[in-house]
Amino acid sequence: MNSFNAQDFYLWVIQHLGKKYCCVRSVDVAHYLSNSKPTVSCAVKKLIEKGLLIMESDGNLALTERGTKHMLRYCERCIFFVHLLLSAGMDPDTADREAFSLAQAIQPDTYIALEQYLSERVL
């Protein structure tokens, strides 16, 4: 099972911008994240090498099927943590921001154990 990192957030951003604008280029991602274009280009190159992303001939970025599955697993973890933090009384903006960090910070086995533990307690 894969652990998550900042590149997973890039996948989410590319997917998010793609839904909003149809076409996404590295410069769009850089602008959205307030990162430099070289930083984003380096991340995009790594995602392409991992088979999670493709760059079309016109420069548009698109998630591969594998990239989409990976991003959805990441989103599932983020949503889990958002709900958990909201249940703990955090405000929505903080919960959203912290959920991304938590989804990246913990190992998959820890997430699974935490998810199982909490689902047993809620039922």
PDB file of N, CA and C in Angstrom:
ATOM      1  N   MET A   1       0.846  -1.182   0.000  1.00  0.00           N
ATOM      2  CA  MET A   1       0.000   0.000   0.000  1.00  0.00           C
ATOM      3  C   MET A   1       0.892   1.245   0.000  1.00  0.00           C
ATOM      4  N   ASN A   2       0.498   2.275  -0.693  1.00  0.00           N
ATOM      5  CA  ASN A   2       1.309   3.477  -0.809  1.00  0.00           C
ATOM      6  C   ASN A   2       1.066   4.427   0.348  1.00  0.00           C
ATOM      7  N   SER A   3       2.127   5.137   0.750  1.00  0.00           N
ATOM      8  CA  SER A   3       1.941   6.241   1.673  1.00  0.00           C
ATOM      9  C   SER A   3       1.716   7.494   0.831  1.00  0.00           C
ATOM     10  N   PHE A   4       1.250   8.544   1.450  1.00  0.00           N
ATOM     11  CA  PHE A   4       0.895   9.754   0.723  1.00  0.00           C
ATOM     12  C   PHE A   4       1.913  10.844   1.006  1.00  0.00           C
ATOM     13  N   ASN A   5       2.057  11.769   0.080  1.00  0.00           N
ATOM     14  CA  ASN A   5       2.995  12.871   0.234  1.00  0.00           C
ATOM     15  C   ASN A   5       2.479  14.078  -0.536  1.00  0.00           C
ATOM     16  N   ALA A   6       3.320  15.082  -0.678  1.00  0.00           N
ATOM     17  CA  ALA A   6       2.904  16.317  -1.343  1.00  0.00           C
ATOM     18  C   ALA A   6       2.483  16.085  -2.788  1.00  0.00           C
ATOM     19  N   GLN A   7       3.054  15.071  -3.430  1.00  0.00           N
ATOM     20  CA  GLN A   7       2.678  14.804  -4.820  1.00  0.00           C
ATOM     21  C   GLN A   7       1.209  14.405  -4.922  1.00  0.00           C
ATOM     22  N   ASP A   8       0.678  13.782  -3.886  1.00  0.00           N
ATOM     23  CA  ASP A   8      -0.739  13.420  -3.897  1.00  0.00           C
ATOM     24  C   ASP A   8      -1.615  14.660  -3.881  1.00  0.00           C
ATOM     25  N   PHE A   9      -1.150  15.676  -3.174  1.00  0.00           N
ATOM     26  CA  PHE A   9      -1.875  16.935  -3.157  1.00  0.00           C
ATOM     27  C   PHE A   9      -1.859  17.561  -4.551  1.00  0.00           C
ATOM     28  N   TYR A  10      -0.727  17.435  -5.264  1.00  0.00           N
ATOM     29  CA  TYR A  10      -0.664  17.923  -6.646  1.00  0.00           C
ATOM     30  C   TYR A  10      -1.707  17.222  -7.511  1.00  0.00           C
ATOM     31  N   LEU A  11      -1.842  15.914  -7.344  1.00  0.00           N
ATOM     32  CA  LEU A  11      -2.856  15.181  -8.116  1.00  0.00           C
ATOM     33  C   LEU A  11      -4.246  15.732  -7.830  1.00  0.00           C
ATOM     34  N   TRP A  12      -4.508  15.982  -6.560  1.00  0.00           N
ATOM     35  CA  TRP A  12      -5.819  16.518  -6.179  1.00  0.00           C
ATOM     36  C   TRP A  12      -6.032  17.890  -6.819  1.00  0.00           C
ATOM     37  N   VAL A  13      -5.012  18.752  -6.765  1.00  0.00           N
ATOM     38  CA  VAL A  13      -5.125  20.094  -7.334  1.00  0.00           C
ATOM     39  C   VAL A  13      -5.375  20.019  -8.839  1.00  0.00           C
ATOM     40  N   ILE A  14      -4.655  19.157  -9.525  1.00  0.00           N
ATOM     41  CA  ILE A  14      -4.834  19.015 -10.977  1.00  0.00           C
ATOM     42  C   ILE A  14      -6.252  18.538 -11.293  1.00  0.00           C
ATOM     43  N   GLN A  15      -6.733  17.578 -10.519  1.00  0.00           N
ATOM     44  CA  GLN A  15      -8.099  17.084 -10.719  1.00  0.00           C
ATOM     45  C   GLN A  15      -9.112  18.187 -10.423  1.00  0.00           C
ATOM     46  N   HIS A  16      -8.899  18.915  -9.338  1.00  0.00           N
ATOM     47  CA  HIS A  16      -9.799  20.001  -8.929  1.00  0.00           C
ATOM     48  C   HIS A  16      -9.853  21.096  -9.995  1.00  0.00           C
ATOM     49  N   LEU A  17      -8.691  21.529 -10.469  1.00  0.00           N
ATOM     50  CA  LEU A  17      -8.652  22.568 -11.500  1.00  0.00           C
ATOM     51  C   LEU A  17      -9.216  22.065 -12.818  1.00  0.00           C
ATOM     52  N   GLY A  18      -9.007  20.779 -13.109  1.00  0.00           N
ATOM     53  CA  GLY A  18      -9.548  20.195 -14.332  1.00  0.00           C
ATOM     54  C   GLY A  18     -11.068  20.211 -14.358  1.00  0.00           C
ATOM     55  N   LYS A  19     -11.676  19.957 -13.201  1.00  0.00           N
ATOM     56  CA  LYS A  19     -13.142  20.021 -13.124  1.00  0.00           C
ATOM     57  C   LYS A  19     -13.642  21.453 -13.283  1.00  0.00           C
ATOM     58  N   LYS A  20     -12.864  22.375 -12.747  1.00  0.00           N
ATOM     59  CA  LYS A  20     -13.282  23.775 -12.754  1.00  0.00           C
ATOM     60  C   LYS A  20     -13.067  24.447 -14.110  1.00  0.00           C
ATOM     61  N   TYR A  21     -11.934  24.142 -14.765  1.00  0.00           N
ATOM     62  CA  TYR A  21     -11.570  24.859 -15.984  1.00  0.00           C
ATOM     63  C   TYR A  21     -11.410  23.978 -17.220  1.00  0.00           C
ATOM     64  N   CYS A  22     -11.540  22.711 -17.114  1.00  0.00           N
ATOM     65  CA  CYS A  22     -11.387  21.751 -18.216  1.00  0.00           C
ATOM     66  C   CYS A  22      -9.925  21.519 -18.615  1.00  0.00           C
ATOM     67  N   CYS A  23      -9.135  22.554 -18.706  1.00  0.00           N
ATOM     68  CA  CYS A  23      -7.732  22.420 -19.094  1.00  0.00           C
ATOM     69  C   CYS A  23      -6.849  22.885 -17.943  1.00  0.00           C
ATOM     70  N   VAL A  24      -5.805  22.117 -17.673  1.00  0.00           N
ATOM     71  CA  VAL A  24      -4.879  22.466 -16.589  1.00  0.00           C
ATOM     72  C   VAL A  24      -3.456  22.373 -17.117  1.00  0.00           C
ATOM     73  N   ARG A  25      -2.702  23.403 -16.879  1.00  0.00           N
ATOM     74  CA  ARG A  25      -1.280  23.423 -17.228  1.00  0.00           C
ATOM     75  C   ARG A  25      -0.478  23.645 -15.954  1.00  0.00           C
ATOM     76  N   SER A  26       0.807  23.384 -16.039  1.00  0.00           N
ATOM     77  CA  SER A  26       1.678  23.541 -14.870  1.00  0.00           C
ATOM     78  C   SER A  26       1.579  24.941 -14.276  1.00  0.00           C
ATOM     79  N   VAL A  27       1.480  25.947 -15.127  1.00  0.00           N
ATOM     80  CA  VAL A  27       1.390  27.323 -14.641  1.00  0.00           C
ATOM     81  C   VAL A  27       0.115  27.545 -13.825  1.00  0.00           C
ATOM     82  N   ASP A  28      -0.976  26.860 -14.184  1.00  0.00           N
ATOM     83  CA  ASP A  28      -2.216  26.965 -13.416  1.00  0.00           C
ATOM     84  C   ASP A  28      -2.041  26.382 -12.009  1.00  0.00           C
ATOM     85  N   VAL A  29      -1.345  25.252 -11.953  1.00  0.00           N
ATOM     86  CA  VAL A  29      -1.080  24.612 -10.662  1.00  0.00           C
ATOM     87  C   VAL A  29      -0.182  25.508  -9.817  1.00  0.00           C
ATOM     88  N   ALA A  30       0.847  26.074 -10.436  1.00  0.00           N
ATOM     89  CA  ALA A  30       1.761  26.968  -9.723  1.00  0.00           C
ATOM     90  C   ALA A  30       1.009  28.164  -9.155  1.00  0.00           C
ATOM     91  N   HIS A  31       0.132  28.731  -9.959  1.00  0.00           N
ATOM     92  CA  HIS A  31      -0.655  29.889  -9.507  1.00  0.00           C
ATOM     93  C   HIS A  31      -1.575  29.495  -8.362  1.00  0.00           C
ATOM     94  N   TYR A  32      -2.271  28.381  -8.484  1.00  0.00           N
ATOM     95  CA  TYR A  32      -3.212  27.923  -7.461  1.00  0.00           C
ATOM     96  C   TYR A  32      -2.509  27.683  -6.132  1.00  0.00           C
ATOM     97  N   LEU A  33      -1.301  27.109  -6.188  1.00  0.00           N
ATOM     98  CA  LEU A  33      -0.567  26.764  -4.970  1.00  0.00           C
ATOM     99  C   LEU A  33       0.372  27.876  -4.507  1.00  0.00           C
ATOM    100  N   SER A  34       0.451  28.941  -5.287  1.00  0.00           N
ATOM    101  CA  SER A  34       1.418  30.011  -5.007  1.00  0.00           C
ATOM    102  C   SER A  34       2.840  29.458  -4.933  1.00  0.00           C
ATOM    103  N   ASN A  35       3.141  28.532  -5.812  1.00  0.00           N
ATOM    104  CA  ASN A  35       4.475  27.947  -5.933  1.00  0.00           C
ATOM    105  C   ASN A  35       5.125  28.444  -7.211  1.00  0.00           C
ATOM    106  N   SER A  36       6.433  28.284  -7.292  1.00  0.00           N
ATOM    107  CA  SER A  36       7.128  28.670  -8.521  1.00  0.00           C
ATOM    108  C   SER A  36       6.860  27.633  -9.608  1.00  0.00           C
ATOM    109  N   LYS A  37       6.932  28.068 -10.849  1.00  0.00           N
ATOM    110  CA  LYS A  37       6.739  27.147 -11.970  1.00  0.00           C
ATOM    111  C   LYS A  37       7.784  26.030 -11.965  1.00  0.00           C
ATOM    112  N   PRO A  38       9.068  26.318 -11.676  1.00  0.00           N
ATOM    113  CA  PRO A  38      10.046  25.223 -11.632  1.00  0.00           C
ATOM    114  C   PRO A  38       9.720  24.164 -10.566  1.00  0.00           C
ATOM    115  N   THR A  39       9.202  24.592  -9.428  1.00  0.00           N
ATOM    116  CA  THR A  39       8.822  23.640  -8.378  1.00  0.00           C
ATOM    117  C   THR A  39       7.713  22.725  -8.874  1.00  0.00           C
ATOM    118  N   VAL A  40       6.707  23.300  -9.501  1.00  0.00           N
ATOM    119  CA  VAL A  40       5.586  22.522 -10.023  1.00  0.00           C
ATOM    120  C   VAL A  40       6.056  21.635 -11.175  1.00  0.00           C
ATOM    121  N   SER A  41       6.893  22.153 -12.044  1.00  0.00           N
ATOM    122  CA  SER A  41       7.398  21.355 -13.172  1.00  0.00           C
ATOM    123  C   SER A  41       8.151  20.124 -12.683  1.00  0.00           C
ATOM    124  N   CYS A  42       8.907  20.279 -11.614  1.00  0.00           N
ATOM    125  CA  CYS A  42       9.640  19.148 -11.036  1.00  0.00           C
ATOM    126  C   CYS A  42       8.663  18.100 -10.498  1.00  0.00           C
ATOM    127  N   ALA A  43       7.630  18.543  -9.790  1.00  0.00           N
ATOM    128  CA  ALA A  43       6.627  17.625  -9.256  1.00  0.00           C
ATOM    129  C   ALA A  43       5.861  16.931 -10.378  1.00  0.00           C
ATOM    130  N   VAL A  44       5.508  17.678 -11.409  1.00  0.00           N
ATOM    131  CA  VAL A  44       4.791  17.122 -12.555  1.00  0.00           C
ATOM    132  C   VAL A  44       5.648  16.059 -13.238  1.00  0.00           C
ATOM    133  N   LYS A  45       6.916  16.337 -13.412  1.00  0.00           N
ATOM    134  CA  LYS A  45       7.821  15.373 -14.037  1.00  0.00           C
ATOM    135  C   LYS A  45       7.846  14.066 -13.248  1.00  0.00           C
ATOM    136  N   LYS A  46       7.912  14.151 -11.928  1.00  0.00           N
ATOM    137  CA  LYS A  46       7.924  12.955 -11.079  1.00  0.00           C
ATOM    138  C   LYS A  46       6.609  12.185 -11.195  1.00  0.00           C
ATOM    139  N   LEU A  47       5.503  12.912 -11.251  1.00  0.00           N
ATOM    140  CA  LEU A  47       4.196  12.257 -11.378  1.00  0.00           C
ATOM    141  C   LEU A  47       4.071  11.551 -12.729  1.00  0.00           C
ATOM    142  N   ILE A  48       4.618  12.146 -13.767  1.00  0.00           N
ATOM    143  CA  ILE A  48       4.612  11.518 -15.093  1.00  0.00           C
ATOM    144  C   ILE A  48       5.472  10.258 -15.063  1.00  0.00           C
ATOM    145  N   GLU A  49       6.654  10.350 -14.441  1.00  0.00           N
ATOM    146  CA  GLU A  49       7.550   9.192 -14.345  1.00  0.00           C
ATOM    147  C   GLU A  49       6.911   8.035 -13.580  1.00  0.00           C
ATOM    148  N   LYS A  50       6.079   8.354 -12.597  1.00  0.00           N
ATOM    149  CA  LYS A  50       5.404   7.330 -11.800  1.00  0.00           C
ATOM    150  C   LYS A  50       4.154   6.776 -12.500  1.00  0.00           C
ATOM    151  N   GLY A  51       3.805   7.347 -13.650  1.00  0.00           N
ATOM    152  CA  GLY A  51       2.640   6.877 -14.388  1.00  0.00           C
ATOM    153  C   GLY A  51       1.324   7.359 -13.816  1.00  0.00           C
ATOM    154  N   LEU A  52       1.366   8.432 -13.029  1.00  0.00           N
ATOM    155  CA  LEU A  52       0.156   8.959 -12.403  1.00  0.00           C
ATOM    156  C   LEU A  52      -0.444  10.126 -13.175  1.00  0.00           C
ATOM    157  N   LEU A  53       0.322  10.667 -14.101  1.00  0.00           N
ATOM    158  CA  LEU A  53      -0.076  11.879 -14.805  1.00  0.00           C
ATOM    159  C   LEU A  53       0.485  11.830 -16.226  1.00  0.00           C
ATOM    160  N   ILE A  54      -0.214  12.451 -17.145  1.00  0.00           N
ATOM    161  CA  ILE A  54       0.315  12.622 -18.498  1.00  0.00           C
ATOM    162  C   ILE A  54       0.252  14.101 -18.862  1.00  0.00           C
ATOM    163  N   MET A  55       1.174  14.492 -19.733  1.00  0.00           N
ATOM    164  CA  MET A  55       1.118  15.832 -20.293  1.00  0.00           C
ATOM    165  C   MET A  55       0.809  15.654 -21.767  1.00  0.00           C
ATOM    166  N   GLU A  56      -0.318  16.192 -22.182  1.00  0.00           N
ATOM    167  CA  GLU A  56      -0.738  16.078 -23.566  1.00  0.00           C
ATOM    168  C   GLU A  56       0.123  16.975 -24.451  1.00  0.00           C
ATOM    169  N   SER A  57       0.048  16.786 -25.739  1.00  0.00           N
ATOM    170  CA  SER A  57       0.892  17.533 -26.676  1.00  0.00           C
ATOM    171  C   SER A  57       0.686  19.047 -26.585  1.00  0.00           C
ATOM    172  N   ASP A  58      -0.492  19.482 -26.145  1.00  0.00           N
ATOM    173  CA  ASP A  58      -0.770  20.915 -26.013  1.00  0.00           C
ATOM    174  C   ASP A  58      -0.383  21.467 -24.638  1.00  0.00           C
ATOM    175  N   GLY A  59       0.228  20.616 -23.778  1.00  0.00           N
ATOM    176  CA  GLY A  59       0.676  21.063 -22.459  1.00  0.00           C
ATOM    177  C   GLY A  59      -0.320  20.847 -21.345  1.00  0.00           C
ATOM    178  N   ASN A  60      -1.516  20.389 -21.695  1.00  0.00           N
ATOM    179  CA  ASN A  60      -2.515  20.130 -20.658  1.00  0.00           C
ATOM    180  C   ASN A  60      -2.136  18.898 -19.841  1.00  0.00           C
ATOM    181  N   LEU A  61      -2.440  18.952 -18.553  1.00  0.00           N
ATOM    182  CA  LEU A  61      -2.156  17.846 -17.646  1.00  0.00           C
ATOM    183  C   LEU A  61      -3.421  17.041 -17.420  1.00  0.00           C
ATOM    184  N   ALA A  62      -3.272  15.731 -17.341  1.00  0.00           N
ATOM    185  CA  ALA A  62      -4.411  14.855 -17.083  1.00  0.00           C
ATOM    186  C   ALA A  62      -3.946  13.680 -16.227  1.00  0.00           C
ATOM    187  N   LEU A  63      -4.770  13.295 -15.283  1.00  0.00           N
ATOM    188  CA  LEU A  63      -4.465  12.130 -14.470  1.00  0.00           C
ATOM    189  C   LEU A  63      -4.676  10.864 -15.281  1.00  0.00           C
ATOM    190  N   THR A  64      -3.795   9.906 -15.097  1.00  0.00           N
ATOM    191  CA  THR A  64      -3.997   8.594 -15.697  1.00  0.00           C
ATOM    192  C   THR A  64      -5.024   7.853 -14.845  1.00  0.00           C
ATOM    193  N   GLU A  65      -5.443   6.689 -15.294  1.00  0.00           N
ATOM    194  CA  GLU A  65      -6.372   5.887 -14.492  1.00  0.00           C
ATOM    195  C   GLU A  65      -5.738   5.564 -13.139  1.00  0.00           C
ATOM    196  N   ARG A  66      -4.472   5.197 -13.175  1.00  0.00           N
ATOM    197  CA  ARG A  66      -3.747   4.900 -11.933  1.00  0.00           C
ATOM    198  C   ARG A  66      -3.657   6.149 -11.047  1.00  0.00           C
ATOM    199  N   GLY A  67      -3.397   7.295 -11.657  1.00  0.00           N
ATOM    200  CA  GLY A  67      -3.327   8.554 -10.917  1.00  0.00           C
ATOM    201  C   GLY A  67      -4.654   8.910 -10.289  1.00  0.00           C
ATOM    202  N   THR A  68      -5.738   8.663 -11.004  1.00  0.00           N
ATOM    203  CA  THR A  68      -7.077   8.938 -10.474  1.00  0.00           C
ATOM    204  C   THR A  68      -7.368   8.052  -9.266  1.00  0.00           C
ATOM    205  N   LYS A  69      -7.045   6.774  -9.360  1.00  0.00           N
ATOM    206  CA  LYS A  69      -7.265   5.861  -8.231  1.00  0.00           C
ATOM    207  C   LYS A  69      -6.443   6.286  -7.025  1.00  0.00           C
ATOM    208  N   HIS A  70      -5.202   6.665  -7.261  1.00  0.00           N
ATOM    209  CA  HIS A  70      -4.322   7.102  -6.181  1.00  0.00           C
ATOM    210  C   HIS A  70      -4.892   8.362  -5.519  1.00  0.00           C
ATOM    211  N   MET A  71      -5.317   9.323  -6.333  1.00  0.00           N
ATOM    212  CA  MET A  71      -5.870  10.570  -5.825  1.00  0.00           C
ATOM    213  C   MET A  71      -7.147  10.323  -5.033  1.00  0.00           C
ATOM    214  N   LEU A  72      -7.987   9.386  -5.487  1.00  0.00           N
ATOM    215  CA  LEU A  72      -9.233   9.096  -4.778  1.00  0.00           C
ATOM    216  C   LEU A  72      -8.968   8.474  -3.401  1.00  0.00           C
ATOM    217  N   ARG A  73      -7.939   7.635  -3.312  1.00  0.00           N
ATOM    218  CA  ARG A  73      -7.562   7.075  -2.004  1.00  0.00           C
ATOM    219  C   ARG A  73      -7.108   8.194  -1.071  1.00  0.00           C
ATOM    220  N   TYR A  74      -6.373   9.130  -1.599  1.00  0.00           N
ATOM    221  CA  TYR A  74      -5.923  10.285  -0.824  1.00  0.00           C
ATOM    222  C   TYR A  74      -7.128  11.111  -0.371  1.00  0.00           C
ATOM    223  N   CYS A  75      -8.063  11.360  -1.272  1.00  0.00           N
ATOM    224  CA  CYS A  75      -9.262  12.130  -0.938  1.00  0.00           C
ATOM    225  C   CYS A  75     -10.087  11.431   0.136  1.00  0.00           C
ATOM    226  N   GLU A  76     -10.170  10.124   0.054  1.00  0.00           N
ATOM    227  CA  GLU A  76     -10.902   9.346   1.062  1.00  0.00           C
ATOM    228  C   GLU A  76     -10.308   9.602   2.448  1.00  0.00           C
ATOM    229  N   ARG A  77      -8.994   9.605   2.527  1.00  0.00           N
ATOM    230  CA  ARG A  77      -8.329   9.875   3.808  1.00  0.00           C
ATOM    231  C   ARG A  77      -8.594  11.305   4.256  1.00  0.00           C
ATOM    232  N   CYS A  78      -8.529  12.261   3.341  1.00  0.00           N
ATOM    233  CA  CYS A  78      -8.785  13.658   3.698  1.00  0.00           C
ATOM    234  C   CYS A  78     -10.202  13.831   4.230  1.00  0.00           C
ATOM    235  N   ILE A  79     -11.164  13.240   3.558  1.00  0.00           N
ATOM    236  CA  ILE A  79     -12.564  13.341   3.991  1.00  0.00           C
ATOM    237  C   ILE A  79     -12.749  12.726   5.369  1.00  0.00           C
ATOM    238  N   PHE A  80     -12.114  11.584   5.609  1.00  0.00           N
ATOM    239  CA  PHE A  80     -12.172  10.939   6.915  1.00  0.00           C
ATOM    240  C   PHE A  80     -11.700  11.907   7.999  1.00  0.00           C
ATOM    241  N   PHE A  81     -10.553  12.556   7.758  1.00  0.00           N
ATOM    242  CA  PHE A  81     -10.003  13.460   8.765  1.00  0.00           C
ATOM    243  C   PHE A  81     -10.812  14.742   8.900  1.00  0.00           C
ATOM    244  N   VAL A  82     -11.385  15.229   7.816  1.00  0.00           N
ATOM    245  CA  VAL A  82     -12.254  16.408   7.913  1.00  0.00           C
ATOM    246  C   VAL A  82     -13.428  16.098   8.834  1.00  0.00           C
ATOM    247  N   HIS A  83     -14.091  14.964   8.611  1.00  0.00           N
ATOM    248  CA  HIS A  83     -15.230  14.580   9.457  1.00  0.00           C
ATOM    249  C   HIS A  83     -14.810  14.413  10.908  1.00  0.00           C
ATOM    250  N   LEU A  84     -13.672  13.788  11.123  1.00  0.00           N
ATOM    251  CA  LEU A  84     -13.169  13.579  12.478  1.00  0.00           C
ATOM    252  C   LEU A  84     -12.905  14.912  13.173  1.00  0.00           C
ATOM    253  N   LEU A  85     -12.247  15.826  12.482  1.00  0.00           N
ATOM    254  CA  LEU A  85     -11.916  17.119  13.077  1.00  0.00           C
ATOM    255  C   LEU A  85     -13.154  17.984  13.300  1.00  0.00           C
ATOM    256  N   LEU A  86     -14.096  17.933  12.377  1.00  0.00           N
ATOM    257  CA  LEU A  86     -15.353  18.662  12.573  1.00  0.00           C
ATOM    258  C   LEU A  86     -16.113  18.107  13.770  1.00  0.00           C
ATOM    259  N   SER A  87     -16.105  16.791  13.922  1.00  0.00           N
ATOM    260  CA  SER A  87     -16.759  16.155  15.072  1.00  0.00           C
ATOM    261  C   SER A  87     -16.102  16.560  16.382  1.00  0.00           C
ATOM    262  N   ALA A  88     -14.809  16.860  16.310  1.00  0.00           N
ATOM    263  CA  ALA A  88     -14.076  17.286  17.507  1.00  0.00           C
ATOM    264  C   ALA A  88     -14.284  18.770  17.805  1.00  0.00           C
ATOM    265  N   GLY A  89     -15.040  19.464  16.937  1.00  0.00           N
ATOM    266  CA  GLY A  89     -15.387  20.859  17.190  1.00  0.00           C
ATOM    267  C   GLY A  89     -14.521  21.892  16.495  1.00  0.00           C
ATOM    268  N   MET A  90     -13.662  21.468  15.576  1.00  0.00           N
ATOM    269  CA  MET A  90     -12.828  22.436  14.858  1.00  0.00           C
ATOM    270  C   MET A  90     -13.655  23.180  13.818  1.00  0.00           C
ATOM    271  N   ASP A  91     -13.238  24.408  13.526  1.00  0.00           N
ATOM    272  CA  ASP A  91     -13.954  25.153  12.489  1.00  0.00           C
ATOM    273  C   ASP A  91     -13.634  24.544  11.120  1.00  0.00           C
ATOM    274  N   PRO A  92     -14.547  24.685  10.149  1.00  0.00           N
ATOM    275  CA  PRO A  92     -14.390  24.031   8.849  1.00  0.00           C
ATOM    276  C   PRO A  92     -13.101  24.370   8.099  1.00  0.00           C
ATOM    277  N   ASP A  93     -12.674  25.627   8.112  1.00  0.00           N
ATOM    278  CA  ASP A  93     -11.449  25.992   7.385  1.00  0.00           C
ATOM    279  C   ASP A  93     -10.232  25.298   7.980  1.00  0.00           C
ATOM    280  N   THR A  94     -10.149  25.285   9.298  1.00  0.00           N
ATOM    281  CA  THR A  94      -9.026  24.614   9.958  1.00  0.00           C
ATOM    282  C   THR A  94      -9.096  23.113   9.719  1.00  0.00           C
ATOM    283  N   ALA A  95     -10.287  22.552   9.799  1.00  0.00           N
ATOM    284  CA  ALA A  95     -10.451  21.110   9.574  1.00  0.00           C
ATOM    285  C   ALA A  95      -9.999  20.719   8.169  1.00  0.00           C
ATOM    286  N   ASP A  96     -10.376  21.506   7.164  1.00  0.00           N
ATOM    287  CA  ASP A  96      -9.946  21.222   5.788  1.00  0.00           C
ATOM    288  C   ASP A  96      -8.428  21.259   5.669  1.00  0.00           C
ATOM    289  N   ARG A  97      -7.836  22.321   6.185  1.00  0.00           N
ATOM    290  CA  ARG A  97      -6.386  22.497   6.077  1.00  0.00           C
ATOM    291  C   ARG A  97      -5.633  21.388   6.820  1.00  0.00           C
ATOM    292  N   GLU A  98      -6.055  21.084   8.026  1.00  0.00           N
ATOM    293  CA  GLU A  98      -5.384  20.065   8.832  1.00  0.00           C
ATOM    294  C   GLU A  98      -5.599  18.662   8.270  1.00  0.00           C
ATOM    295  N   ALA A  99      -6.747  18.415   7.670  1.00  0.00           N
ATOM    296  CA  ALA A  99      -7.034  17.086   7.109  1.00  0.00           C
ATOM    297  C   ALA A  99      -6.028  16.723   6.032  1.00  0.00           C
ATOM    298  N   PHE A 100      -5.674  17.689   5.183  1.00  0.00           N
ATOM    299  CA  PHE A 100      -4.667  17.422   4.145  1.00  0.00           C
ATOM    300  C   PHE A 100      -3.341  17.032   4.784  1.00  0.00           C
ATOM    301  N   SER A 101      -2.968  17.746   5.829  1.00  0.00           N
ATOM    302  CA  SER A 101      -1.704  17.438   6.513  1.00  0.00           C
ATOM    303  C   SER A 101      -1.735  16.064   7.154  1.00  0.00           C
ATOM    304  N   LEU A 102      -2.829  15.742   7.819  1.00  0.00           N
ATOM    305  CA  LEU A 102      -2.945  14.433   8.477  1.00  0.00           C
ATOM    306  C   LEU A 102      -2.932  13.298   7.462  1.00  0.00           C
ATOM    307  N   ALA A 103      -3.624  13.486   6.349  1.00  0.00           N
ATOM    308  CA  ALA A 103      -3.668  12.443   5.315  1.00  0.00           C
ATOM    309  C   ALA A 103      -2.279  12.150   4.770  1.00  0.00           C
ATOM    310  N   GLN A 104      -1.427  13.164   4.733  1.00  0.00           N
ATOM    311  CA  GLN A 104      -0.066  12.979   4.235  1.00  0.00           C
ATOM    312  C   GLN A 104       0.864  12.445   5.307  1.00  0.00           C
ATOM    313  N   ALA A 105       0.589  12.773   6.574  1.00  0.00           N
ATOM    314  CA  ALA A 105       1.550  12.503   7.644  1.00  0.00           C
ATOM    315  C   ALA A 105       1.555  11.064   8.139  1.00  0.00           C
ATOM    316  N   ILE A 106       0.404  10.409   8.140  1.00  0.00           N
ATOM    317  CA  ILE A 106       0.366   9.078   8.748  1.00  0.00           C
ATOM    318  C   ILE A 106       0.542   7.983   7.707  1.00  0.00           C
ATOM    319  N   GLN A 107       1.051   6.876   8.173  1.00  0.00           N
ATOM    320  CA  GLN A 107       1.268   5.714   7.314  1.00  0.00           C
ATOM    321  C   GLN A 107      -0.068   5.010   7.050  1.00  0.00           C
ATOM    322  N   PRO A 108      -0.168   4.295   5.941  1.00  0.00           N
ATOM    323  CA  PRO A 108      -1.423   3.603   5.607  1.00  0.00           C
ATOM    324  C   PRO A 108      -1.913   2.663   6.704  1.00  0.00           C
ATOM    325  N   ASP A 109      -1.018   1.922   7.336  1.00  0.00           N
ATOM    326  CA  ASP A 109      -1.438   1.007   8.399  1.00  0.00           C
ATOM    327  C   ASP A 109      -2.040   1.761   9.584  1.00  0.00           C
ATOM    328  N   THR A 110      -1.479   2.917   9.890  1.00  0.00           N
ATOM    329  CA  THR A 110      -1.999   3.743  10.978  1.00  0.00           C
ATOM    330  C   THR A 110      -3.394   4.245  10.636  1.00  0.00           C
ATOM    331  N   TYR A 111      -3.573   4.686   9.398  1.00  0.00           N
ATOM    332  CA  TYR A 111      -4.893   5.158   8.956  1.00  0.00           C
ATOM    333  C   TYR A 111      -5.927   4.049   9.067  1.00  0.00           C
ATOM    334  N   ILE A 112      -5.585   2.869   8.594  1.00  0.00           N
ATOM    335  CA  ILE A 112      -6.519   1.739   8.632  1.00  0.00           C
ATOM    336  C   ILE A 112      -6.878   1.401  10.075  1.00  0.00           C
ATOM    337  N   ALA A 113      -5.888   1.363  10.941  1.00  0.00           N
ATOM    338  CA  ALA A 113      -6.139   1.051  12.348  1.00  0.00           C
ATOM    339  C   ALA A 113      -7.028   2.112  12.991  1.00  0.00           C
ATOM    340  N   LEU A 114      -6.761   3.369  12.713  1.00  0.00           N
ATOM    341  CA  LEU A 114      -7.553   4.458  13.272  1.00  0.00           C
ATOM    342  C   LEU A 114      -8.983   4.414  12.742  1.00  0.00           C
ATOM    343  N   GLU A 115      -9.122   4.177  11.467  1.00  0.00           N
ATOM    344  CA  GLU A 115     -10.452   4.093  10.859  1.00  0.00           C
ATOM    345  C   GLU A 115     -11.256   2.941  11.474  1.00  0.00           C
ATOM    346  N   GLN A 116     -10.634   1.784  11.644  1.00  0.00           N
ATOM    347  CA  GLN A 116     -11.314   0.628  12.245  1.00  0.00           C
ATOM    348  C   GLN A 116     -11.675   0.899  13.702  1.00  0.00           C
ATOM    349  N   TYR A 117     -10.748   1.476  14.429  1.00  0.00           N
ATOM    350  CA  TYR A 117     -10.981   1.780  15.837  1.00  0.00           C
ATOM    351  C   TYR A 117     -12.181   2.717  16.000  1.00  0.00           C
ATOM    352  N   LEU A 118     -12.205   3.787  15.215  1.00  0.00           N
ATOM    353  CA  LEU A 118     -13.290   4.757  15.346  1.00  0.00           C
ATOM    354  C   LEU A 118     -14.619   4.210  14.840  1.00  0.00           C
ATOM    355  N   SER A 119     -14.605   3.380  13.804  1.00  0.00           N
ATOM    356  CA  SER A 119     -15.869   2.823  13.308  1.00  0.00           C
ATOM    357  C   SER A 119     -16.468   1.854  14.329  1.00  0.00           C
ATOM    358  N   GLU A 120     -15.635   1.162  15.091  1.00  0.00           N
ATOM    359  CA  GLU A 120     -16.135   0.275  16.139  1.00  0.00           C
ATOM    360  C   GLU A 120     -16.735   1.073  17.289  1.00  0.00           C
ATOM    361  N   ARG A 121     -16.192   2.251  17.564  1.00  0.00           N
ATOM    362  CA  ARG A 121     -16.663   3.081  18.673  1.00  0.00           C
ATOM    363  C   ARG A 121     -17.958   3.788  18.342  1.00  0.00           C
ATOM    364  N   VAL A 122     -18.141   4.137  17.090  1.00  0.00           N
ATOM    365  CA  VAL A 122     -19.327   4.877  16.658  1.00  0.00           C
ATOM    366  C   VAL A 122     -20.536   3.976  16.610  1.00  0.00           C
ATOM    367  N   LEU A 123     -20.344   2.716  16.229  1.00  0.00           N
ATOM    368  CA  LEU A 123     -21.468   1.778  16.118  1.00  0.00           C
ATOM    369  C   LEU A 123     -21.932   1.392  17.450  1.00  0.00           C
TER     370      LEU A 123
END
